[in-house]
Amino acid sequence: MMMESNVGNFALFFGFMTMILLGGAVIWLIVWFVEKKIIPGKKPPERPLETAKRRYAAGELTKKEYLDMKKEIVKAD
């Protein structure tokens, strides 16, 4: 009779640990999906060259300023 009690306790502990691991896996998957942008959310940050192009197109930069910025950005990469 004592043997059945120990087997039952082991099964209860194993089931509990399995639920904890599955719950952790679900939380990890949700975070991973959000980080990989599979679930729509925030836009990725704009790259420096894209920012310079956008500002030049909007008239915030002169052609010389844009070309100087572009040269510096390309040199940094």
N, C-alpha and C. Protein backbone atom coordinates (compact mmCIF):
# COMPACT_ATOMS: atom_id res chain seq x y z
N MET A 1 0.82 -1.20 0.00
CA MET A 1 0.00 0.00 0.00
C MET A 1 0.86 1.26 0.00
N MET A 2 1.97 1.22 0.70
CA MET A 2 2.84 2.37 0.76
C MET A 2 3.43 2.69 -0.62
N MET A 3 3.66 1.68 -1.45
CA MET A 3 4.23 1.86 -2.77
C MET A 3 3.29 2.69 -3.65
N GLU A 4 2.02 2.46 -3.59
CA GLU A 4 1.05 3.20 -4.41
C GLU A 4 1.07 4.68 -4.06
N SER A 5 1.26 5.02 -2.82
CA SER A 5 1.27 6.40 -2.39
C SER A 5 2.47 7.14 -2.99
N ASN A 6 3.64 6.50 -3.01
CA ASN A 6 4.83 7.13 -3.57
C ASN A 6 4.69 7.33 -5.07
N VAL A 7 4.10 6.38 -5.77
CA VAL A 7 3.90 6.50 -7.21
C VAL A 7 2.93 7.65 -7.50
N GLY A 8 1.92 7.78 -6.69
CA GLY A 8 0.95 8.86 -6.86
C GLY A 8 1.59 10.22 -6.64
N ASN A 9 2.45 10.33 -5.64
CA ASN A 9 3.13 11.59 -5.37
C ASN A 9 4.06 11.96 -6.52
N PHE A 10 4.77 10.96 -7.07
CA PHE A 10 5.67 11.22 -8.19
C PHE A 10 4.87 11.70 -9.40
N ALA A 11 3.75 11.07 -9.67
CA ALA A 11 2.93 11.46 -10.81
C ALA A 11 2.39 12.88 -10.62
N LEU A 12 2.00 13.21 -9.42
CA LEU A 12 1.51 14.56 -9.13
C LEU A 12 2.62 15.59 -9.33
N PHE A 13 3.82 15.29 -8.83
CA PHE A 13 4.95 16.20 -9.00
C PHE A 13 5.32 16.34 -10.48
N PHE A 14 5.37 15.24 -11.21
CA PHE A 14 5.70 15.26 -12.63
C PHE A 14 4.68 16.07 -13.42
N GLY A 15 3.42 15.92 -13.12
CA GLY A 15 2.36 16.68 -13.78
C GLY A 15 2.48 18.16 -13.50
N PHE A 16 2.79 18.50 -12.25
CA PHE A 16 2.95 19.90 -11.86
C PHE A 16 4.13 20.53 -12.60
N MET A 17 5.25 19.83 -12.66
CA MET A 17 6.43 20.35 -13.35
C MET A 17 6.17 20.48 -14.85
N THR A 18 5.43 19.57 -15.42
CA THR A 18 5.10 19.64 -16.84
C THR A 18 4.26 20.87 -17.12
N MET A 19 3.31 21.17 -16.28
CA MET A 19 2.47 22.36 -16.47
C MET A 19 3.30 23.64 -16.36
N ILE A 20 4.24 23.67 -15.43
CA ILE A 20 5.10 24.85 -15.29
C ILE A 20 5.95 25.03 -16.55
N LEU A 21 6.53 23.94 -17.05
CA LEU A 21 7.36 24.03 -18.26
C LEU A 21 6.53 24.45 -19.47
N LEU A 22 5.33 23.90 -19.62
CA LEU A 22 4.48 24.29 -20.74
C LEU A 22 4.06 25.75 -20.65
N GLY A 23 3.74 26.21 -19.46
CA GLY A 23 3.39 27.62 -19.27
C GLY A 23 4.56 28.53 -19.62
N GLY A 24 5.75 28.15 -19.19
CA GLY A 24 6.94 28.94 -19.53
C GLY A 24 7.19 28.96 -21.03
N ALA A 25 6.97 27.83 -21.69
CA ALA A 25 7.17 27.75 -23.13
C ALA A 25 6.18 28.66 -23.87
N VAL A 26 4.94 28.70 -23.41
CA VAL A 26 3.94 29.56 -24.04
C VAL A 26 4.32 31.03 -23.88
N ILE A 27 4.74 31.41 -22.70
CA ILE A 27 5.16 32.80 -22.46
C ILE A 27 6.36 33.14 -23.32
N TRP A 28 7.35 32.23 -23.41
CA TRP A 28 8.53 32.46 -24.24
C TRP A 28 8.14 32.64 -25.70
N LEU A 29 7.21 31.81 -26.21
CA LEU A 29 6.78 31.92 -27.60
C LEU A 29 6.10 33.27 -27.87
N ILE A 30 5.28 33.72 -26.96
CA ILE A 30 4.61 35.01 -27.13
C ILE A 30 5.64 36.13 -27.21
N VAL A 31 6.61 36.13 -26.31
CA VAL A 31 7.66 37.15 -26.32
C VAL A 31 8.46 37.06 -27.61
N TRP A 32 8.79 35.85 -28.05
CA TRP A 32 9.57 35.66 -29.28
C TRP A 32 8.82 36.19 -30.49
N PHE A 33 7.50 35.89 -30.57
CA PHE A 33 6.70 36.38 -31.69
C PHE A 33 6.66 37.90 -31.73
N VAL A 34 6.51 38.52 -30.57
CA VAL A 34 6.47 39.98 -30.51
C VAL A 34 7.82 40.55 -30.91
N GLU A 35 8.92 39.97 -30.44
CA GLU A 35 10.25 40.46 -30.78
C GLU A 35 10.55 40.31 -32.27
N LYS A 36 10.09 39.24 -32.88
CA LYS A 36 10.34 39.00 -34.30
C LYS A 36 9.35 39.71 -35.20
N LYS A 37 8.44 40.45 -34.63
CA LYS A 37 7.45 41.24 -35.38
C LYS A 37 6.49 40.37 -36.17
N ILE A 38 6.33 39.10 -35.77
CA ILE A 38 5.36 38.25 -36.42
C ILE A 38 3.95 38.73 -36.05
N ILE A 39 3.82 39.14 -34.81
CA ILE A 39 2.57 39.75 -34.37
C ILE A 39 2.73 41.25 -34.61
N PRO A 40 1.84 41.87 -35.41
CA PRO A 40 2.02 43.29 -35.71
C PRO A 40 2.03 44.14 -34.44
N GLY A 41 2.91 45.06 -34.43
CA GLY A 41 3.03 45.94 -33.26
C GLY A 41 3.69 47.23 -33.69
N LYS A 42 4.76 47.56 -33.00
CA LYS A 42 5.47 48.79 -33.33
C LYS A 42 6.33 48.61 -34.58
N LYS A 43 6.58 49.74 -35.25
CA LYS A 43 7.42 49.71 -36.44
C LYS A 43 8.88 49.59 -36.02
N PRO A 44 9.70 48.93 -36.84
CA PRO A 44 11.12 48.88 -36.52
C PRO A 44 11.74 50.27 -36.65
N PRO A 45 12.82 50.52 -35.93
CA PRO A 45 13.43 51.86 -36.01
C PRO A 45 13.95 52.15 -37.41
N GLU A 46 13.89 53.42 -37.78
CA GLU A 46 14.33 53.85 -39.10
C GLU A 46 15.86 53.87 -39.15
N ARG A 47 16.43 53.38 -40.24
CA ARG A 47 17.88 53.38 -40.39
C ARG A 47 18.35 54.80 -40.71
N PRO A 48 19.60 55.11 -40.38
CA PRO A 48 20.09 56.49 -40.58
C PRO A 48 19.99 56.99 -42.02
N LEU A 49 20.33 56.15 -42.98
CA LEU A 49 20.26 56.59 -44.38
C LEU A 49 18.81 56.86 -44.80
N GLU A 50 17.88 56.04 -44.31
CA GLU A 50 16.46 56.27 -44.60
C GLU A 50 16.00 57.59 -44.01
N THR A 51 16.48 57.90 -42.82
CA THR A 51 16.12 59.16 -42.17
C THR A 51 16.64 60.34 -42.99
N ALA A 52 17.88 60.24 -43.45
CA ALA A 52 18.46 61.32 -44.26
C ALA A 52 17.68 61.50 -45.57
N LYS A 53 17.32 60.38 -46.21
CA LYS A 53 16.54 60.45 -47.46
C LYS A 53 15.19 61.10 -47.22
N ARG A 54 14.54 60.71 -46.13
CA ARG A 54 13.22 61.27 -45.81
C ARG A 54 13.32 62.77 -45.55
N ARG A 55 14.34 63.16 -44.80
CA ARG A 55 14.52 64.59 -44.49
C ARG A 55 14.86 65.39 -45.75
N TYR A 56 15.66 64.81 -46.65
CA TYR A 56 16.00 65.49 -47.91
C TYR A 56 14.75 65.64 -48.77
N ALA A 57 13.94 64.58 -48.84
CA ALA A 57 12.71 64.63 -49.64
C ALA A 57 11.72 65.65 -49.07
N ALA A 58 11.73 65.83 -47.76
CA ALA A 58 10.81 66.78 -47.13
C ALA A 58 11.33 68.21 -47.21
N GLY A 59 12.56 68.37 -47.69
CA GLY A 59 13.11 69.72 -47.81
C GLY A 59 13.80 70.22 -46.56
N GLU A 60 14.02 69.36 -45.59
CA GLU A 60 14.69 69.77 -44.36
C GLU A 60 16.20 69.89 -44.55
N LEU A 61 16.75 69.22 -45.57
CA LEU A 61 18.18 69.24 -45.83
C LEU A 61 18.45 69.76 -47.24
N THR A 62 19.57 70.43 -47.39
CA THR A 62 19.99 70.81 -48.74
C THR A 62 20.68 69.60 -49.37
N LYS A 63 20.93 69.69 -50.67
CA LYS A 63 21.58 68.59 -51.37
C LYS A 63 22.97 68.35 -50.81
N LYS A 64 23.70 69.41 -50.51
CA LYS A 64 25.04 69.27 -49.95
C LYS A 64 25.00 68.60 -48.57
N GLU A 65 24.05 69.03 -47.73
CA GLU A 65 23.92 68.41 -46.40
C GLU A 65 23.59 66.93 -46.52
N TYR A 66 22.67 66.61 -47.44
CA TYR A 66 22.29 65.21 -47.64
C TYR A 66 23.48 64.38 -48.10
N LEU A 67 24.23 64.88 -49.09
CA LEU A 67 25.37 64.13 -49.60
C LEU A 67 26.46 63.97 -48.54
N ASP A 68 26.68 65.00 -47.73
CA ASP A 68 27.65 64.89 -46.64
C ASP A 68 27.21 63.83 -45.62
N MET A 69 25.94 63.87 -45.26
CA MET A 69 25.41 62.87 -44.31
C MET A 69 25.54 61.47 -44.90
N LYS A 70 25.18 61.33 -46.16
CA LYS A 70 25.23 60.02 -46.81
C LYS A 70 26.67 59.49 -46.80
N LYS A 71 27.63 60.36 -47.11
CA LYS A 71 29.03 59.94 -47.11
C LYS A 71 29.45 59.46 -45.72
N GLU A 72 29.07 60.19 -44.70
CA GLU A 72 29.42 59.81 -43.32
C GLU A 72 28.77 58.50 -42.90
N ILE A 73 27.50 58.32 -43.28
CA ILE A 73 26.77 57.09 -42.91
C ILE A 73 27.39 55.89 -43.60
N VAL A 74 27.68 56.01 -44.89
CA VAL A 74 28.27 54.90 -45.63
C VAL A 74 29.65 54.58 -45.10
N LYS A 75 30.41 55.61 -44.74
CA LYS A 75 31.75 55.41 -44.19
C LYS A 75 31.68 54.68 -42.84
N ALA A 76 30.66 54.96 -42.04
CA ALA A 76 30.52 54.34 -40.72
C ALA A 76 30.17 52.85 -40.84
N ASP A 77 29.49 52.48 -41.91
CA ASP A 77 29.12 51.06 -42.09
C ASP A 77 30.31 50.33 -42.57
